[in-house]
Amino acid sequence: MRDIKFRGKNKDIGWVYGQLAYDINGNTYIIQEVELDSSYGLEETMLFATMWYRVDKETLGQYTGLKDKMEKKYTREI
């Protein structure tokens, strides 16, 4: 299975890379780290974001899987 990666620009630290997420208010986030937790007594394991950054929607891009001759990853706007 192919990993789908995104990037977006955070106003404080610049470009961040990871998984794409939205909240109920329409804010856009890039999640870099998640943690599995099964301590709630449920049969299923829950996934919690432990490191995420709010990014500007206008800067979102998705990694295409291609690289140029300098090994820079290509992205496309979404």
C-alpha atoms as a PDB file:
ATOM      1  CA  MET A   1       0.000   0.000   0.000  1.00  0.00           C
ATOM      2  CA  ARG A   2       1.286   3.453  -0.941  1.00  0.00           C
ATOM      3  CA  ASP A   3       1.712   6.115   1.714  1.00  0.00           C
ATOM      4  CA  ILE A   4      -0.166   9.319   0.826  1.00  0.00           C
ATOM      5  CA  LYS A   5       1.741  12.364   2.072  1.00  0.00           C
ATOM      6  CA  PHE A   6       0.799  16.025   2.188  1.00  0.00           C
ATOM      7  CA  ARG A   7       2.518  19.297   2.885  1.00  0.00           C
ATOM      8  CA  GLY A   8       1.307  22.676   4.035  1.00  0.00           C
ATOM      9  CA  LYS A   9       2.816  25.894   5.299  1.00  0.00           C
ATOM     10  CA  ASN A  10       2.544  26.787   8.969  1.00  0.00           C
ATOM     11  CA  LYS A  11       2.913  30.520   9.650  1.00  0.00           C
ATOM     12  CA  ASP A  12       5.398  29.950  12.504  1.00  0.00           C
ATOM     13  CA  ILE A  13       7.720  27.171  11.330  1.00  0.00           C
ATOM     14  CA  GLY A  14       7.276  26.992   7.551  1.00  0.00           C
ATOM     15  CA  TRP A  15       6.638  23.818   5.538  1.00  0.00           C
ATOM     16  CA  VAL A  16       5.414  20.721   7.403  1.00  0.00           C
ATOM     17  CA  TYR A  17       4.847  17.228   5.994  1.00  0.00           C
ATOM     18  CA  GLY A  18       2.491  14.439   7.081  1.00  0.00           C
ATOM     19  CA  GLN A  19      -1.155  13.393   6.930  1.00  0.00           C
ATOM     20  CA  LEU A  20      -4.011  15.791   6.145  1.00  0.00           C
ATOM     21  CA  ALA A  21      -6.829  16.476   8.615  1.00  0.00           C
ATOM     22  CA  TYR A  22      -9.662  18.989   9.074  1.00  0.00           C
ATOM     23  CA  ASP A  23     -11.555  20.023  12.198  1.00  0.00           C
ATOM     24  CA  ILE A  24     -15.277  20.773  12.432  1.00  0.00           C
ATOM     25  CA  ASN A  25     -14.612  24.495  11.921  1.00  0.00           C
ATOM     26  CA  GLY A  26     -12.874  23.895   8.592  1.00  0.00           C
ATOM     27  CA  ASN A  27      -9.322  24.487   9.842  1.00  0.00           C
ATOM     28  CA  THR A  28      -6.636  22.461   8.084  1.00  0.00           C
ATOM     29  CA  TYR A  29      -3.908  20.488   9.869  1.00  0.00           C
ATOM     30  CA  ILE A  30      -0.913  18.357   8.972  1.00  0.00           C
ATOM     31  CA  ILE A  31      -0.447  15.489  11.431  1.00  0.00           C
ATOM     32  CA  GLN A  32       3.132  14.294  11.850  1.00  0.00           C
ATOM     33  CA  GLU A  33       2.851  11.800  14.712  1.00  0.00           C
ATOM     34  CA  VAL A  34       0.069   9.568  15.998  1.00  0.00           C
ATOM     35  CA  GLU A  35      -0.238   7.270  18.987  1.00  0.00           C
ATOM     36  CA  LEU A  36      -2.298   4.108  19.365  1.00  0.00           C
ATOM     37  CA  ASP A  37      -4.343   3.850  22.560  1.00  0.00           C
ATOM     38  CA  SER A  38      -6.456   0.914  23.716  1.00  0.00           C
ATOM     39  CA  SER A  39      -6.756   1.920  27.376  1.00  0.00           C
ATOM     40  CA  TYR A  40     -10.425   2.916  27.193  1.00  0.00           C
ATOM     41  CA  GLY A  41     -11.712  -0.647  27.509  1.00  0.00           C
ATOM     42  CA  LEU A  42     -12.950  -0.702  23.941  1.00  0.00           C
ATOM     43  CA  GLU A  43     -12.384  -3.584  21.578  1.00  0.00           C
ATOM     44  CA  GLU A  44     -10.898  -1.212  19.050  1.00  0.00           C
ATOM     45  CA  THR A  45      -7.667   0.716  19.308  1.00  0.00           C
ATOM     46  CA  MET A  46      -8.044   4.474  18.930  1.00  0.00           C
ATOM     47  CA  LEU A  47      -5.631   6.718  17.079  1.00  0.00           C
ATOM     48  CA  PHE A  48      -4.628  10.062  18.616  1.00  0.00           C
ATOM     49  CA  ALA A  49      -2.627  12.830  16.960  1.00  0.00           C
ATOM     50  CA  THR A  50       0.314  13.734  19.181  1.00  0.00           C
ATOM     51  CA  MET A  51       2.048  16.251  16.889  1.00  0.00           C
ATOM     52  CA  TRP A  52       0.111  18.411  14.462  1.00  0.00           C
ATOM     53  CA  TYR A  53       0.343  21.847  12.878  1.00  0.00           C
ATOM     54  CA  ARG A  54      -2.344  24.171  11.606  1.00  0.00           C
ATOM     55  CA  VAL A  55      -1.584  25.116   8.005  1.00  0.00           C
ATOM     56  CA  ASP A  56      -2.900  27.590   5.450  1.00  0.00           C
ATOM     57  CA  LYS A  57      -5.398  25.910   3.081  1.00  0.00           C
ATOM     58  CA  GLU A  58      -3.931  27.787   0.124  1.00  0.00           C
ATOM     59  CA  THR A  59      -0.534  26.090   0.589  1.00  0.00           C
ATOM     60  CA  LEU A  60      -1.716  22.455   0.648  1.00  0.00           C
ATOM     61  CA  GLY A  61      -0.080  20.010  -1.703  1.00  0.00           C
ATOM     62  CA  GLN A  62      -0.004  16.241  -2.138  1.00  0.00           C
ATOM     63  CA  TYR A  63       3.173  14.252  -2.839  1.00  0.00           C
ATOM     64  CA  THR A  64       2.935  12.708  -6.295  1.00  0.00           C
ATOM     65  CA  GLY A  65       5.470   9.940  -5.744  1.00  0.00           C
ATOM     66  CA  LEU A  66       7.880  11.471  -8.267  1.00  0.00           C
ATOM     67  CA  LYS A  67      11.233  13.169  -7.682  1.00  0.00           C
ATOM     68  CA  ASP A  68      13.347  15.410  -9.872  1.00  0.00           C
ATOM     69  CA  LYS A  69      17.014  14.734 -10.686  1.00  0.00           C
ATOM     70  CA  MET A  70      18.042  16.444  -7.414  1.00  0.00           C
ATOM     71  CA  GLU A  71      15.758  14.038  -5.460  1.00  0.00           C
ATOM     72  CA  LYS A  72      13.341  16.858  -4.576  1.00  0.00           C
ATOM     73  CA  LYS A  73       9.778  15.535  -4.134  1.00  0.00           C
ATOM     74  CA  TYR A  74       7.118  16.805  -6.540  1.00  0.00           C
ATOM     75  CA  THR A  75       3.796  17.912  -5.077  1.00  0.00           C
ATOM     76  CA  ARG A  76       0.563  19.035  -6.655  1.00  0.00           C
ATOM     77  CA  GLU A  77      -1.906  21.537  -5.264  1.00  0.00           C
ATOM     78  CA  ILE A  78      -5.144  20.139  -3.909  1.00  0.00           C
END
